[in-house]
Amino acid sequence: MSDKHIGSDFDDFLEEEGILADTQAVAVKRVIAFQVEQMMSEQNLSKTEMSRRMSTSRAALDRLLDPANRAVTLQTLDRAAHALGKRLHISLA
């Protein structure tokens, strides 16, 4: 029994299946949503107060906090960071 995936890593498998980029994008969005939600909790910020600080709608904040929604702009991320007293840092690896 020969298994072509023995010895390879999971990224190789996802790449072969053609879903690596999508999978990574979902993972990144989940981490961002989790971090924002955690910081809001630590600072006792309600969604209403957070959206006010971001000068945006509650719907935009809900999209940011929805781990499955990848349609978030850099502007929204930057506003969220500033609302939490943080800086947005993006890098290519």
N, C-alpha and C. Protein backbone atom coordinates (compact mmCIF):
# COMPACT_ATOMS: atom_id res chain seq x y z
N MET A 1 0.85 -1.18 0.00
CA MET A 1 0.00 0.00 0.00
C MET A 1 0.88 1.23 0.00
N SER A 2 0.80 2.00 -1.06
CA SER A 2 1.63 3.19 -1.20
C SER A 2 0.77 4.43 -0.99
N ASP A 3 1.18 5.27 -0.06
CA ASP A 3 0.45 6.52 0.21
C ASP A 3 1.38 7.68 -0.12
N LYS A 4 1.03 8.44 -1.15
CA LYS A 4 1.91 9.52 -1.61
C LYS A 4 2.05 10.64 -0.59
N HIS A 5 1.22 10.69 0.46
CA HIS A 5 1.29 11.77 1.44
C HIS A 5 2.13 11.40 2.67
N ILE A 6 2.58 10.17 2.76
CA ILE A 6 3.41 9.79 3.89
C ILE A 6 4.73 10.57 3.79
N GLY A 7 5.07 11.23 4.87
CA GLY A 7 6.31 12.01 4.91
C GLY A 7 6.13 13.45 4.47
N SER A 8 5.00 13.79 3.87
CA SER A 8 4.77 15.18 3.47
C SER A 8 4.06 15.91 4.61
N ASP A 9 3.99 17.22 4.51
CA ASP A 9 3.27 17.94 5.55
C ASP A 9 1.89 18.32 5.05
N PHE A 10 1.08 18.82 5.95
CA PHE A 10 -0.31 19.12 5.63
C PHE A 10 -0.42 20.23 4.59
N ASP A 11 0.49 21.20 4.63
CA ASP A 11 0.48 22.26 3.62
C ASP A 11 0.68 21.69 2.22
N ASP A 12 1.53 20.68 2.10
CA ASP A 12 1.72 20.04 0.79
C ASP A 12 0.42 19.43 0.29
N PHE A 13 -0.29 18.79 1.20
CA PHE A 13 -1.56 18.18 0.84
C PHE A 13 -2.57 19.25 0.40
N LEU A 14 -2.68 20.34 1.17
CA LEU A 14 -3.62 21.41 0.83
C LEU A 14 -3.25 22.06 -0.50
N GLU A 15 -1.97 22.22 -0.75
CA GLU A 15 -1.50 22.79 -2.01
C GLU A 15 -1.90 21.87 -3.17
N GLU A 16 -1.69 20.60 -2.98
CA GLU A 16 -2.04 19.63 -4.01
C GLU A 16 -3.54 19.63 -4.31
N GLU A 17 -4.33 19.86 -3.28
CA GLU A 17 -5.78 19.90 -3.43
C GLU A 17 -6.25 21.26 -3.99
N GLY A 18 -5.34 22.23 -4.05
CA GLY A 18 -5.68 23.54 -4.57
C GLY A 18 -6.42 24.43 -3.60
N ILE A 19 -6.27 24.15 -2.31
CA ILE A 19 -7.01 24.93 -1.32
C ILE A 19 -6.12 25.58 -0.25
N LEU A 20 -4.81 25.57 -0.46
CA LEU A 20 -3.91 26.11 0.55
C LEU A 20 -4.16 27.59 0.79
N ALA A 21 -4.25 28.41 -0.25
CA ALA A 21 -4.42 29.85 -0.07
C ALA A 21 -5.72 30.17 0.64
N ASP A 22 -6.80 29.50 0.25
CA ASP A 22 -8.09 29.74 0.91
C ASP A 22 -8.05 29.32 2.37
N THR A 23 -7.43 28.21 2.64
CA THR A 23 -7.33 27.71 4.01
C THR A 23 -6.53 28.67 4.88
N GLN A 24 -5.44 29.19 4.34
CA GLN A 24 -4.63 30.15 5.08
C GLN A 24 -5.39 31.44 5.34
N ALA A 25 -6.15 31.91 4.35
CA ALA A 25 -6.93 33.14 4.52
C ALA A 25 -7.98 32.98 5.61
N VAL A 26 -8.63 31.83 5.64
CA VAL A 26 -9.62 31.57 6.69
C VAL A 26 -8.94 31.55 8.05
N ALA A 27 -7.79 30.91 8.15
CA ALA A 27 -7.08 30.83 9.43
C ALA A 27 -6.66 32.21 9.92
N VAL A 28 -6.15 33.04 9.02
CA VAL A 28 -5.73 34.39 9.40
C VAL A 28 -6.93 35.19 9.90
N LYS A 29 -8.05 35.10 9.20
CA LYS A 29 -9.25 35.85 9.60
C LYS A 29 -9.75 35.38 10.94
N ARG A 30 -9.70 34.09 11.20
CA ARG A 30 -10.13 33.57 12.51
C ARG A 30 -9.24 34.12 13.63
N VAL A 31 -7.95 34.19 13.39
CA VAL A 31 -7.02 34.71 14.40
C VAL A 31 -7.30 36.19 14.66
N ILE A 32 -7.50 36.96 13.59
CA ILE A 32 -7.78 38.39 13.76
C ILE A 32 -9.08 38.60 14.53
N ALA A 33 -10.13 37.89 14.14
CA ALA A 33 -11.41 38.02 14.84
C ALA A 33 -11.26 37.67 16.31
N PHE A 34 -10.53 36.60 16.60
CA PHE A 34 -10.30 36.18 17.98
C PHE A 34 -9.54 37.25 18.76
N GLN A 35 -8.48 37.79 18.17
CA GLN A 35 -7.67 38.80 18.86
C GLN A 35 -8.49 40.06 19.16
N VAL A 36 -9.24 40.53 18.19
CA VAL A 36 -10.05 41.73 18.41
C VAL A 36 -11.08 41.48 19.50
N GLU A 37 -11.74 40.34 19.44
CA GLU A 37 -12.74 40.02 20.45
C GLU A 37 -12.11 39.92 21.85
N GLN A 38 -10.94 39.30 21.94
CA GLN A 38 -10.25 39.19 23.23
C GLN A 38 -9.87 40.57 23.78
N MET A 39 -9.34 41.43 22.92
CA MET A 39 -8.95 42.77 23.37
C MET A 39 -10.17 43.59 23.78
N MET A 40 -11.26 43.43 23.06
CA MET A 40 -12.50 44.12 23.45
C MET A 40 -12.93 43.65 24.84
N SER A 41 -12.86 42.36 25.07
CA SER A 41 -13.24 41.80 26.37
C SER A 41 -12.33 42.32 27.48
N GLU A 42 -11.03 42.32 27.21
CA GLU A 42 -10.06 42.80 28.21
C GLU A 42 -10.29 44.27 28.56
N GLN A 43 -10.76 45.05 27.58
CA GLN A 43 -10.99 46.48 27.81
C GLN A 43 -12.46 46.78 28.14
N ASN A 44 -13.25 45.71 28.34
CA ASN A 44 -14.67 45.84 28.66
C ASN A 44 -15.41 46.72 27.65
N LEU A 45 -15.13 46.51 26.37
CA LEU A 45 -15.77 47.28 25.31
C LEU A 45 -16.95 46.51 24.73
N SER A 46 -18.08 47.15 24.69
CA SER A 46 -19.24 46.56 24.02
C SER A 46 -19.08 46.75 22.52
N LYS A 47 -19.87 46.02 21.76
CA LYS A 47 -19.83 46.20 20.30
C LYS A 47 -20.25 47.62 19.92
N THR A 48 -21.20 48.15 20.64
CA THR A 48 -21.66 49.51 20.35
C THR A 48 -20.54 50.51 20.57
N GLU A 49 -19.83 50.39 21.68
CA GLU A 49 -18.73 51.31 21.97
C GLU A 49 -17.57 51.11 20.99
N MET A 50 -17.29 49.87 20.67
CA MET A 50 -16.20 49.59 19.72
C MET A 50 -16.52 50.19 18.36
N SER A 51 -17.73 50.00 17.87
CA SER A 51 -18.09 50.56 16.56
C SER A 51 -18.07 52.08 16.60
N ARG A 52 -18.45 52.68 17.74
CA ARG A 52 -18.38 54.14 17.87
C ARG A 52 -16.93 54.61 17.79
N ARG A 53 -16.04 53.92 18.50
CA ARG A 53 -14.61 54.28 18.46
C ARG A 53 -14.02 54.10 17.07
N MET A 54 -14.54 53.14 16.32
CA MET A 54 -14.05 52.89 14.96
C MET A 54 -14.68 53.82 13.94
N SER A 55 -15.68 54.59 14.36
CA SER A 55 -16.45 55.45 13.45
C SER A 55 -17.02 54.62 12.30
N THR A 56 -17.62 53.52 12.67
CA THR A 56 -18.20 52.62 11.67
C THR A 56 -19.50 52.05 12.20
N SER A 57 -20.16 51.27 11.40
CA SER A 57 -21.43 50.67 11.80
C SER A 57 -21.21 49.39 12.61
N ARG A 58 -22.24 48.99 13.32
CA ARG A 58 -22.22 47.72 14.04
C ARG A 58 -22.08 46.57 13.06
N ALA A 59 -22.69 46.72 11.87
CA ALA A 59 -22.62 45.66 10.86
C ALA A 59 -21.17 45.45 10.41
N ALA A 60 -20.41 46.54 10.23
CA ALA A 60 -19.01 46.42 9.84
C ALA A 60 -18.21 45.72 10.93
N LEU A 61 -18.49 46.05 12.18
CA LEU A 61 -17.81 45.38 13.29
C LEU A 61 -18.19 43.91 13.33
N ASP A 62 -19.45 43.60 13.12
CA ASP A 62 -19.89 42.20 13.10
C ASP A 62 -19.17 41.41 12.00
N ARG A 63 -18.95 42.04 10.84
CA ARG A 63 -18.21 41.37 9.76
C ARG A 63 -16.77 41.11 10.19
N LEU A 64 -16.18 42.07 10.90
CA LEU A 64 -14.81 41.90 11.38
C LEU A 64 -14.73 40.75 12.39
N LEU A 65 -15.71 40.66 13.25
CA LEU A 65 -15.69 39.64 14.30
C LEU A 65 -16.18 38.27 13.84
N ASP A 66 -16.73 38.20 12.64
CA ASP A 66 -17.21 36.93 12.09
C ASP A 66 -16.02 36.18 11.49
N PRO A 67 -15.59 35.08 12.12
CA PRO A 67 -14.40 34.37 11.63
C PRO A 67 -14.56 33.83 10.21
N ALA A 68 -15.79 33.62 9.77
CA ALA A 68 -16.01 33.06 8.44
C ALA A 68 -16.06 34.13 7.35
N ASN A 69 -16.19 35.38 7.73
CA ASN A 69 -16.30 36.46 6.75
C ASN A 69 -14.91 37.03 6.46
N ARG A 70 -14.43 36.76 5.25
CA ARG A 70 -13.08 37.22 4.89
C ARG A 70 -13.10 38.59 4.21
N ALA A 71 -14.28 39.17 4.02
CA ALA A 71 -14.41 40.45 3.32
C ALA A 71 -14.25 41.61 4.29
N VAL A 72 -13.04 41.80 4.77
CA VAL A 72 -12.74 42.90 5.68
C VAL A 72 -11.63 43.73 5.06
N THR A 73 -11.82 45.04 5.08
CA THR A 73 -10.84 45.92 4.45
C THR A 73 -9.70 46.25 5.41
N LEU A 74 -8.59 46.69 4.82
CA LEU A 74 -7.47 47.16 5.65
C LEU A 74 -7.88 48.36 6.48
N GLN A 75 -8.74 49.20 5.92
CA GLN A 75 -9.21 50.37 6.66
C GLN A 75 -9.96 49.94 7.92
N THR A 76 -10.81 48.92 7.80
CA THR A 76 -11.54 48.42 8.97
C THR A 76 -10.58 47.84 10.00
N LEU A 77 -9.60 47.08 9.54
CA LEU A 77 -8.60 46.53 10.47
C LEU A 77 -7.82 47.63 11.17
N ASP A 78 -7.45 48.67 10.42
CA ASP A 78 -6.71 49.79 11.00
C ASP A 78 -7.55 50.54 12.02
N ARG A 79 -8.82 50.76 11.71
CA ARG A 79 -9.72 51.43 12.65
C ARG A 79 -9.88 50.61 13.93
N ALA A 80 -10.00 49.31 13.79
CA ALA A 80 -10.13 48.44 14.96
C ALA A 80 -8.88 48.51 15.82
N ALA A 81 -7.73 48.45 15.19
CA ALA A 81 -6.47 48.53 15.94
C ALA A 81 -6.40 49.84 16.72
N HIS A 82 -6.69 50.94 16.06
CA HIS A 82 -6.63 52.24 16.73
C HIS A 82 -7.66 52.34 17.86
N ALA A 83 -8.83 51.79 17.65
CA ALA A 83 -9.88 51.82 18.66
C ALA A 83 -9.45 51.05 19.91
N LEU A 84 -8.58 50.08 19.73
CA LEU A 84 -8.08 49.27 20.84
C LEU A 84 -6.75 49.78 21.38
N GLY A 85 -6.27 50.89 20.84
CA GLY A 85 -4.99 51.45 21.28
C GLY A 85 -3.80 50.69 20.74
N LYS A 86 -3.98 50.04 19.61
CA LYS A 86 -2.92 49.24 18.99
C LYS A 86 -2.58 49.78 17.61
N ARG A 87 -1.52 49.25 17.02
CA ARG A 87 -1.15 49.56 15.64
C ARG A 87 -1.33 48.32 14.81
N LEU A 88 -1.80 48.52 13.59
CA LEU A 88 -1.93 47.41 12.67
C LEU A 88 -0.57 47.17 12.02
N HIS A 89 -0.13 45.92 12.04
CA HIS A 89 1.14 45.53 11.44
C HIS A 89 0.87 44.39 10.49
N ILE A 90 1.21 44.59 9.22
CA ILE A 90 1.01 43.55 8.21
C ILE A 90 2.35 43.29 7.55
N SER A 91 2.66 42.03 7.35
CA SER A 91 3.91 41.71 6.69
C SER A 91 3.70 40.54 5.73
N LEU A 92 4.57 40.43 4.79
CA LEU A 92 4.56 39.31 3.86
C LEU A 92 5.66 38.35 4.26
N ALA A 93 5.33 37.09 4.29
CA ALA A 93 6.34 36.10 4.71
C ALA A 93 6.63 35.15 3.59
